[in-house]
N, C-alpha and C. Protein backbone atom coordinates (compact mmCIF):
# COMPACT_ATOMS: atom_id res chain seq x y z
N MET A 1 -17.40 -4.31 -1.40
CA MET A 1 -17.09 -3.89 -0.05
C MET A 1 -15.76 -4.51 0.36
N LEU A 2 -14.86 -3.70 0.87
CA LEU A 2 -13.56 -4.19 1.29
C LEU A 2 -13.67 -5.03 2.55
N SER A 3 -12.91 -6.11 2.56
CA SER A 3 -12.81 -6.92 3.76
C SER A 3 -11.34 -7.29 3.97
N PRO A 4 -10.94 -7.49 5.23
CA PRO A 4 -9.54 -7.88 5.47
C PRO A 4 -9.24 -9.20 4.77
N ALA A 5 -8.07 -9.28 4.20
CA ALA A 5 -7.66 -10.52 3.55
C ALA A 5 -7.44 -11.59 4.61
N ALA A 6 -8.04 -12.74 4.39
CA ALA A 6 -7.91 -13.88 5.29
C ALA A 6 -6.95 -14.90 4.66
N PRO A 7 -6.44 -15.83 5.46
CA PRO A 7 -5.53 -16.84 4.88
C PRO A 7 -6.11 -17.55 3.66
N ASP A 8 -7.41 -17.80 3.64
CA ASP A 8 -8.03 -18.47 2.50
C ASP A 8 -8.05 -17.60 1.24
N ASP A 9 -7.81 -16.30 1.39
CA ASP A 9 -7.82 -15.37 0.26
C ASP A 9 -6.47 -15.26 -0.43
N LEU A 10 -5.41 -15.75 0.20
CA LEU A 10 -4.05 -15.42 -0.26
C LEU A 10 -3.74 -15.91 -1.67
N ASP A 11 -4.20 -17.08 -2.05
CA ASP A 11 -3.92 -17.56 -3.42
C ASP A 11 -4.60 -16.67 -4.46
N ASP A 12 -5.87 -16.34 -4.23
CA ASP A 12 -6.60 -15.47 -5.15
C ASP A 12 -5.98 -14.06 -5.16
N LEU A 13 -5.60 -13.58 -3.99
CA LEU A 13 -4.98 -12.26 -3.87
C LEU A 13 -3.67 -12.22 -4.64
N ALA A 14 -2.83 -13.23 -4.46
CA ALA A 14 -1.55 -13.27 -5.16
C ALA A 14 -1.75 -13.33 -6.67
N ALA A 15 -2.70 -14.12 -7.14
CA ALA A 15 -2.96 -14.19 -8.59
C ALA A 15 -3.42 -12.84 -9.11
N PHE A 16 -4.29 -12.16 -8.37
CA PHE A 16 -4.76 -10.84 -8.79
C PHE A 16 -3.61 -9.84 -8.85
N LEU A 17 -2.76 -9.82 -7.82
CA LEU A 17 -1.63 -8.88 -7.79
C LEU A 17 -0.64 -9.17 -8.91
N ARG A 18 -0.41 -10.45 -9.19
CA ARG A 18 0.48 -10.79 -10.31
C ARG A 18 -0.09 -10.26 -11.62
N SER A 19 -1.41 -10.38 -11.80
CA SER A 19 -2.04 -9.89 -13.03
C SER A 19 -1.93 -8.38 -13.15
N ALA A 20 -1.79 -7.69 -12.01
CA ALA A 20 -1.62 -6.24 -12.00
C ALA A 20 -0.14 -5.84 -12.00
N ASP A 21 0.76 -6.83 -12.10
CA ASP A 21 2.21 -6.62 -12.10
C ASP A 21 2.67 -5.97 -10.79
N LEU A 22 2.10 -6.43 -9.67
CA LEU A 22 2.49 -5.93 -8.35
C LEU A 22 3.17 -7.04 -7.56
N THR A 23 3.97 -6.65 -6.59
CA THR A 23 4.74 -7.57 -5.78
C THR A 23 3.84 -8.42 -4.90
N VAL A 24 4.15 -9.70 -4.83
CA VAL A 24 3.37 -10.62 -4.01
C VAL A 24 4.16 -11.13 -2.80
N ALA A 25 5.33 -10.59 -2.57
CA ALA A 25 6.17 -11.05 -1.47
C ALA A 25 5.52 -10.78 -0.12
N ALA A 26 5.59 -11.77 0.75
CA ALA A 26 5.24 -11.64 2.17
C ALA A 26 3.78 -11.27 2.43
N LEU A 27 2.88 -11.70 1.58
CA LEU A 27 1.47 -11.35 1.76
C LEU A 27 0.91 -11.86 3.08
N ALA A 28 1.44 -12.94 3.59
CA ALA A 28 0.92 -13.55 4.82
C ALA A 28 1.61 -13.05 6.09
N GLU A 29 2.58 -12.17 5.95
CA GLU A 29 3.32 -11.69 7.12
C GLU A 29 2.46 -10.77 7.98
N PRO A 30 2.60 -10.82 9.30
CA PRO A 30 1.77 -10.00 10.20
C PRO A 30 1.88 -8.49 9.98
N ALA A 31 3.03 -8.01 9.56
CA ALA A 31 3.20 -6.57 9.34
C ALA A 31 2.49 -6.09 8.08
N VAL A 32 2.13 -7.01 7.19
CA VAL A 32 1.46 -6.67 5.94
C VAL A 32 -0.05 -6.79 6.17
N ARG A 33 -0.73 -5.68 6.00
CA ARG A 33 -2.18 -5.63 6.22
C ARG A 33 -2.84 -5.38 4.87
N LEU A 34 -3.71 -6.28 4.49
CA LEU A 34 -4.32 -6.23 3.16
C LEU A 34 -5.83 -6.35 3.24
N TRP A 35 -6.49 -5.71 2.29
CA TRP A 35 -7.94 -5.78 2.14
C TRP A 35 -8.23 -6.08 0.69
N LEU A 36 -9.37 -6.70 0.46
CA LEU A 36 -9.75 -6.98 -0.92
C LEU A 36 -11.25 -6.86 -1.08
N ASP A 37 -11.65 -6.73 -2.33
CA ASP A 37 -13.06 -6.69 -2.70
C ASP A 37 -13.25 -7.77 -3.75
N ARG A 38 -14.36 -8.48 -3.65
CA ARG A 38 -14.69 -9.50 -4.63
C ARG A 38 -15.97 -9.09 -5.36
N ASP A 39 -16.06 -9.47 -6.63
CA ASP A 39 -17.27 -9.18 -7.39
C ASP A 39 -18.34 -10.22 -7.06
N ASP A 40 -19.49 -10.11 -7.69
CA ASP A 40 -20.61 -11.01 -7.40
C ASP A 40 -20.28 -12.48 -7.70
N ALA A 41 -19.34 -12.70 -8.59
CA ALA A 41 -18.94 -14.06 -8.92
C ALA A 41 -17.86 -14.59 -7.97
N GLY A 42 -17.39 -13.74 -7.06
CA GLY A 42 -16.39 -14.17 -6.10
C GLY A 42 -14.96 -13.89 -6.51
N ALA A 43 -14.75 -13.29 -7.66
CA ALA A 43 -13.39 -12.98 -8.12
C ALA A 43 -12.89 -11.69 -7.47
N VAL A 44 -11.61 -11.67 -7.13
CA VAL A 44 -11.00 -10.45 -6.59
C VAL A 44 -11.06 -9.38 -7.66
N CYS A 45 -11.57 -8.21 -7.29
CA CYS A 45 -11.66 -7.11 -8.26
C CYS A 45 -10.92 -5.86 -7.80
N ALA A 46 -10.48 -5.82 -6.53
CA ALA A 46 -9.74 -4.67 -6.03
C ALA A 46 -9.01 -5.06 -4.75
N THR A 47 -7.85 -4.45 -4.53
CA THR A 47 -7.06 -4.71 -3.34
C THR A 47 -6.40 -3.43 -2.86
N THR A 48 -6.03 -3.42 -1.61
CA THR A 48 -5.27 -2.32 -1.05
C THR A 48 -4.59 -2.80 0.22
N GLY A 49 -3.56 -2.08 0.65
CA GLY A 49 -2.90 -2.47 1.88
C GLY A 49 -1.65 -1.66 2.17
N PHE A 50 -1.00 -2.06 3.25
CA PHE A 50 0.25 -1.43 3.64
C PHE A 50 1.03 -2.39 4.52
N GLU A 51 2.31 -2.10 4.66
CA GLU A 51 3.17 -2.82 5.60
C GLU A 51 3.67 -1.81 6.60
N LEU A 52 3.41 -2.05 7.85
CA LEU A 52 3.85 -1.15 8.91
C LEU A 52 5.30 -1.48 9.26
N GLY A 53 6.14 -0.45 9.29
CA GLY A 53 7.54 -0.64 9.64
C GLY A 53 7.71 -0.99 11.11
N SER A 54 8.87 -1.49 11.46
CA SER A 54 9.12 -1.96 12.82
C SER A 54 9.02 -0.85 13.85
N SER A 55 9.30 0.40 13.45
CA SER A 55 9.19 1.52 14.39
C SER A 55 7.74 1.95 14.60
N GLY A 56 6.86 1.54 13.69
CA GLY A 56 5.47 1.95 13.76
C GLY A 56 5.21 3.33 13.18
N GLU A 57 6.26 4.08 12.86
CA GLU A 57 6.12 5.44 12.35
C GLU A 57 5.97 5.49 10.83
N HIS A 58 6.47 4.48 10.16
CA HIS A 58 6.49 4.46 8.69
C HIS A 58 5.65 3.30 8.17
N ALA A 59 4.94 3.57 7.07
CA ALA A 59 4.15 2.52 6.42
C ALA A 59 4.47 2.51 4.93
N LEU A 60 4.61 1.32 4.39
CA LEU A 60 4.83 1.14 2.96
C LEU A 60 3.49 0.75 2.34
N VAL A 61 2.92 1.64 1.55
CA VAL A 61 1.66 1.37 0.88
C VAL A 61 1.94 0.37 -0.23
N ARG A 62 1.09 -0.64 -0.33
CA ARG A 62 1.31 -1.66 -1.35
C ARG A 62 -0.01 -2.32 -1.74
N SER A 63 0.02 -2.96 -2.87
CA SER A 63 -1.10 -3.79 -3.33
C SER A 63 -2.36 -3.00 -3.65
N VAL A 64 -2.23 -1.74 -4.05
CA VAL A 64 -3.40 -0.95 -4.46
C VAL A 64 -3.64 -1.24 -5.93
N ALA A 65 -4.75 -1.92 -6.21
CA ALA A 65 -5.04 -2.31 -7.60
C ALA A 65 -6.54 -2.46 -7.81
N VAL A 66 -6.96 -2.13 -9.01
CA VAL A 66 -8.35 -2.28 -9.43
C VAL A 66 -8.33 -3.06 -10.75
N ARG A 67 -9.23 -4.00 -10.88
CA ARG A 67 -9.32 -4.78 -12.12
C ARG A 67 -9.52 -3.81 -13.30
N PRO A 68 -8.84 -4.04 -14.42
CA PRO A 68 -8.87 -3.10 -15.54
C PRO A 68 -10.27 -2.68 -16.00
N ASP A 69 -11.23 -3.60 -16.02
CA ASP A 69 -12.56 -3.24 -16.52
C ASP A 69 -13.34 -2.37 -15.54
N LEU A 70 -12.81 -2.17 -14.34
CA LEU A 70 -13.49 -1.35 -13.33
C LEU A 70 -12.78 -0.02 -13.08
N ARG A 71 -11.70 0.23 -13.81
CA ARG A 71 -10.93 1.46 -13.60
C ARG A 71 -11.67 2.67 -14.17
N GLY A 72 -11.31 3.84 -13.65
CA GLY A 72 -11.87 5.09 -14.15
C GLY A 72 -13.05 5.61 -13.37
N ALA A 73 -13.46 4.89 -12.32
CA ALA A 73 -14.62 5.31 -11.52
C ALA A 73 -14.21 5.88 -10.16
N GLY A 74 -12.90 6.07 -9.95
CA GLY A 74 -12.44 6.62 -8.68
C GLY A 74 -12.13 5.59 -7.62
N ASP A 75 -12.24 4.30 -7.95
CA ASP A 75 -11.98 3.26 -6.96
C ASP A 75 -10.52 3.24 -6.51
N GLY A 76 -9.60 3.51 -7.41
CA GLY A 76 -8.19 3.52 -7.04
C GLY A 76 -7.90 4.56 -5.96
N LEU A 77 -8.45 5.76 -6.14
CA LEU A 77 -8.27 6.80 -5.12
C LEU A 77 -8.90 6.39 -3.80
N ARG A 78 -10.08 5.80 -3.86
CA ARG A 78 -10.77 5.34 -2.65
C ARG A 78 -9.93 4.28 -1.94
N LEU A 79 -9.40 3.34 -2.68
CA LEU A 79 -8.58 2.29 -2.10
C LEU A 79 -7.29 2.84 -1.49
N ALA A 80 -6.65 3.75 -2.19
CA ALA A 80 -5.41 4.35 -1.67
C ALA A 80 -5.69 5.13 -0.39
N ARG A 81 -6.76 5.92 -0.40
CA ARG A 81 -7.11 6.67 0.82
C ARG A 81 -7.42 5.73 1.98
N PHE A 82 -8.10 4.64 1.68
CA PHE A 82 -8.41 3.65 2.72
C PHE A 82 -7.11 3.15 3.36
N ALA A 83 -6.14 2.75 2.54
CA ALA A 83 -4.86 2.26 3.07
C ALA A 83 -4.15 3.34 3.88
N LEU A 84 -4.15 4.57 3.39
CA LEU A 84 -3.50 5.67 4.12
C LEU A 84 -4.19 5.91 5.46
N ASP A 85 -5.50 5.89 5.47
CA ASP A 85 -6.24 6.08 6.72
C ASP A 85 -5.96 4.95 7.71
N ARG A 86 -5.95 3.71 7.22
CA ARG A 86 -5.67 2.58 8.12
C ARG A 86 -4.24 2.64 8.65
N ALA A 87 -3.30 3.06 7.81
CA ALA A 87 -1.91 3.19 8.27
C ALA A 87 -1.81 4.27 9.36
N ALA A 88 -2.49 5.39 9.15
CA ALA A 88 -2.50 6.44 10.17
C ALA A 88 -3.18 5.94 11.44
N ASP A 89 -4.27 5.20 11.31
CA ASP A 89 -4.95 4.62 12.47
C ASP A 89 -4.00 3.70 13.25
N ALA A 90 -3.11 3.02 12.54
CA ALA A 90 -2.16 2.10 13.17
C ALA A 90 -0.98 2.84 13.80
N GLY A 91 -0.93 4.17 13.63
CA GLY A 91 0.12 4.97 14.26
C GLY A 91 1.18 5.49 13.32
N ALA A 92 1.14 5.12 12.05
CA ALA A 92 2.15 5.60 11.10
C ALA A 92 2.01 7.10 10.90
N ARG A 93 3.11 7.77 10.74
CA ARG A 93 3.13 9.21 10.50
C ARG A 93 3.70 9.56 9.12
N GLN A 94 4.28 8.55 8.46
CA GLN A 94 4.87 8.75 7.14
C GLN A 94 4.45 7.58 6.24
N ALA A 95 4.04 7.90 5.03
CA ALA A 95 3.68 6.86 4.06
C ALA A 95 4.69 6.89 2.92
N TRP A 96 5.04 5.72 2.47
CA TRP A 96 6.02 5.53 1.41
C TRP A 96 5.46 4.51 0.42
N LEU A 97 5.97 4.52 -0.80
CA LEU A 97 5.60 3.48 -1.75
C LEU A 97 6.57 3.48 -2.92
N PHE A 98 6.55 2.37 -3.62
CA PHE A 98 7.28 2.23 -4.88
C PHE A 98 6.27 2.29 -6.01
N SER A 99 6.56 3.08 -7.04
CA SER A 99 5.72 3.07 -8.23
C SER A 99 6.49 3.67 -9.39
N ARG A 100 6.73 2.84 -10.40
CA ARG A 100 7.41 3.32 -11.60
C ARG A 100 6.44 3.88 -12.63
N ARG A 101 5.18 3.45 -12.57
CA ARG A 101 4.23 3.80 -13.63
C ARG A 101 3.12 4.74 -13.20
N SER A 102 2.88 4.91 -11.93
CA SER A 102 1.67 5.61 -11.49
C SER A 102 1.95 6.87 -10.68
N GLY A 103 3.04 7.55 -10.99
CA GLY A 103 3.40 8.75 -10.23
C GLY A 103 2.31 9.80 -10.21
N GLY A 104 1.67 10.06 -11.36
CA GLY A 104 0.61 11.07 -11.42
C GLY A 104 -0.55 10.73 -10.49
N PHE A 105 -0.90 9.46 -10.44
CA PHE A 105 -1.96 9.00 -9.54
C PHE A 105 -1.59 9.32 -8.09
N TRP A 106 -0.38 8.96 -7.69
CA TRP A 106 0.04 9.16 -6.30
C TRP A 106 0.20 10.63 -5.96
N GLN A 107 0.59 11.44 -6.94
CA GLN A 107 0.70 12.88 -6.69
C GLN A 107 -0.66 13.49 -6.36
N LYS A 108 -1.73 12.95 -6.93
CA LYS A 108 -3.08 13.43 -6.60
C LYS A 108 -3.38 13.25 -5.11
N LEU A 109 -2.70 12.32 -4.48
CA LEU A 109 -2.90 12.03 -3.07
C LEU A 109 -1.85 12.69 -2.17
N GLY A 110 -1.07 13.60 -2.75
CA GLY A 110 -0.10 14.34 -1.97
C GLY A 110 1.28 13.73 -1.87
N PHE A 111 1.55 12.67 -2.61
CA PHE A 111 2.87 12.07 -2.60
C PHE A 111 3.82 12.89 -3.45
N THR A 112 5.07 12.94 -3.04
CA THR A 112 6.13 13.57 -3.82
C THR A 112 7.24 12.54 -4.03
N ALA A 113 7.94 12.70 -5.12
CA ALA A 113 9.03 11.78 -5.41
C ALA A 113 10.12 11.92 -4.36
N THR A 114 10.72 10.81 -4.03
CA THR A 114 11.83 10.79 -3.08
C THR A 114 12.85 9.78 -3.60
N THR A 115 13.87 9.52 -2.85
CA THR A 115 14.87 8.55 -3.30
C THR A 115 14.57 7.18 -2.72
N THR A 116 14.98 6.16 -3.42
CA THR A 116 14.83 4.81 -2.89
C THR A 116 15.71 4.64 -1.65
N ASP A 117 16.81 5.38 -1.58
CA ASP A 117 17.66 5.32 -0.38
C ASP A 117 16.90 5.84 0.84
N ASP A 118 16.15 6.95 0.67
CA ASP A 118 15.36 7.48 1.79
C ASP A 118 14.28 6.50 2.21
N LEU A 119 13.60 5.89 1.23
CA LEU A 119 12.57 4.91 1.56
C LEU A 119 13.19 3.72 2.28
N ALA A 120 14.29 3.21 1.77
CA ALA A 120 14.93 2.05 2.38
C ALA A 120 15.46 2.37 3.78
N ALA A 121 15.90 3.60 4.00
CA ALA A 121 16.36 3.98 5.34
C ALA A 121 15.20 4.05 6.32
N ALA A 122 14.03 4.50 5.86
CA ALA A 122 12.85 4.59 6.72
C ALA A 122 12.25 3.23 7.01
N LEU A 123 12.34 2.31 6.06
CA LEU A 123 11.71 0.99 6.17
C LEU A 123 12.70 -0.12 5.82
N PRO A 124 13.83 -0.19 6.52
CA PRO A 124 14.86 -1.16 6.14
C PRO A 124 14.43 -2.62 6.24
N ASP A 125 13.46 -2.90 7.11
CA ASP A 125 13.03 -4.28 7.29
C ASP A 125 11.77 -4.64 6.51
N ALA A 126 11.25 -3.69 5.74
CA ALA A 126 10.06 -3.99 4.93
C ALA A 126 10.40 -5.09 3.94
N HIS A 127 9.48 -6.02 3.79
CA HIS A 127 9.73 -7.16 2.92
C HIS A 127 10.03 -6.74 1.49
N GLN A 128 9.32 -5.76 0.99
CA GLN A 128 9.55 -5.30 -0.38
C GLN A 128 10.93 -4.66 -0.51
N VAL A 129 11.35 -3.90 0.48
CA VAL A 129 12.68 -3.28 0.46
C VAL A 129 13.75 -4.38 0.45
N ARG A 130 13.59 -5.35 1.32
CA ARG A 130 14.58 -6.43 1.38
C ARG A 130 14.61 -7.23 0.08
N LEU A 131 13.43 -7.50 -0.49
CA LEU A 131 13.37 -8.21 -1.77
C LEU A 131 14.06 -7.41 -2.87
N PHE A 132 13.73 -6.13 -2.97
CA PHE A 132 14.30 -5.30 -4.03
C PHE A 132 15.82 -5.14 -3.86
N ARG A 133 16.29 -5.08 -2.62
CA ARG A 133 17.75 -5.03 -2.40
C ARG A 133 18.40 -6.33 -2.87
N SER A 134 17.80 -7.45 -2.49
CA SER A 134 18.42 -8.74 -2.79
C SER A 134 18.43 -9.05 -4.29
N THR A 135 17.49 -8.51 -5.03
CA THR A 135 17.41 -8.78 -6.47
C THR A 135 18.06 -7.69 -7.31
N GLY A 136 18.50 -6.60 -6.67
CA GLY A 136 19.08 -5.49 -7.42
C GLY A 136 18.04 -4.56 -8.02
N GLN A 137 16.78 -4.80 -7.72
CA GLN A 137 15.69 -3.99 -8.29
C GLN A 137 15.56 -2.63 -7.62
N LEU A 138 16.07 -2.48 -6.41
CA LEU A 138 15.89 -1.23 -5.66
C LEU A 138 16.38 -0.02 -6.46
N ASP A 139 17.49 -0.14 -7.12
CA ASP A 139 18.05 0.99 -7.89
C ASP A 139 17.23 1.34 -9.12
N ARG A 140 16.35 0.44 -9.56
CA ARG A 140 15.51 0.70 -10.73
C ARG A 140 14.12 1.20 -10.36
N GLU A 141 13.82 1.25 -9.08
CA GLU A 141 12.49 1.65 -8.62
C GLU A 141 12.38 3.17 -8.52
N VAL A 142 11.15 3.64 -8.40
CA VAL A 142 10.85 5.05 -8.14
C VAL A 142 10.10 5.08 -6.81
N ALA A 143 10.56 5.91 -5.90
CA ALA A 143 9.98 5.98 -4.56
C ALA A 143 9.18 7.26 -4.39
N TRP A 144 8.15 7.16 -3.55
CA TRP A 144 7.24 8.27 -3.27
C TRP A 144 7.01 8.35 -1.77
N HIS A 145 6.70 9.56 -1.30
CA HIS A 145 6.53 9.78 0.14
C HIS A 145 5.51 10.86 0.40
N ARG A 146 4.83 10.75 1.53
CA ARG A 146 3.99 11.83 2.04
C ARG A 146 3.79 11.62 3.53
N PRO A 147 3.67 12.73 4.26
CA PRO A 147 3.34 12.60 5.68
C PRO A 147 1.88 12.20 5.83
N LEU A 148 1.59 11.57 6.94
CA LEU A 148 0.22 11.21 7.28
C LEU A 148 -0.26 12.10 8.43
N PRO A 149 -1.53 12.45 8.44
CA PRO A 149 -2.04 13.27 9.54
C PRO A 149 -2.09 12.45 10.82
N ALA A 150 -1.88 13.12 11.93
CA ALA A 150 -2.05 12.46 13.22
C ALA A 150 -3.51 12.10 13.38
N ARG A 151 -3.77 10.96 13.97
CA ARG A 151 -5.15 10.50 14.14
C ARG A 151 -5.46 10.41 15.63
N ALA A 152 -6.69 10.72 15.98
CA ALA A 152 -7.15 10.56 17.35
C ALA A 152 -7.38 9.08 17.63
N ASP A 153 -7.53 8.71 18.89
CA ASP A 153 -7.78 7.32 19.25
C ASP A 153 -9.01 6.77 18.55
N SER A 154 -9.96 7.64 18.25
CA SER A 154 -11.18 7.18 17.60
C SER A 154 -10.98 6.88 16.12
N GLY A 155 -9.83 7.26 15.59
CA GLY A 155 -9.58 7.06 14.17
C GLY A 155 -9.99 8.25 13.33
N ALA A 156 -10.57 9.28 13.96
CA ALA A 156 -10.96 10.49 13.24
C ALA A 156 -9.77 11.42 13.15
N PRO A 157 -9.66 12.20 12.07
CA PRO A 157 -8.55 13.14 11.98
C PRO A 157 -8.59 14.14 13.13
N LEU A 158 -7.43 14.49 13.63
CA LEU A 158 -7.34 15.51 14.66
C LEU A 158 -7.61 16.87 14.03
N ALA A 159 -8.27 17.73 14.76
CA ALA A 159 -8.56 19.08 14.27
C ALA A 159 -7.27 19.87 14.18
N ALA A 160 -7.16 20.64 13.10
CA ALA A 160 -5.98 21.51 12.95
C ALA A 160 -6.11 22.66 13.92
N GLY A 161 -5.02 23.02 14.49
CA GLY A 161 -5.11 24.02 15.53
C GLY A 161 -4.64 25.31 15.09
């Protein structure tokens, strides 16, 4: 069961994300919202999250990972949808992410390839964008984008008209 990441979770969360070869920058920052699942032994087995941009309109999906021995059961899609829904609940209308290896996975969720310049323009203050710019990694990344549905105050999708 997913629960919001608490300060006491950050060391375990960072170790899990490193093992999945995902960025661990700024995990404790207020704009970064993360959830995790632990197995019966207490080990992190899945994570998901997003960083809400300063405008509130854009969200950078990040930290979506499932432990290798648990993959293939649809948990990755569930985790990604959870992050997208929470981002929409928070007011975001556009979702963005970096992924060099998992494009097919993200396309299943309606993402299309975009440029890193477009992502960086939408989320210039996102910690991952700033990190990738400062290290020169931004030009080597692959960016993805999709619109998010408008959400009602209750968090339920608005009916199409």
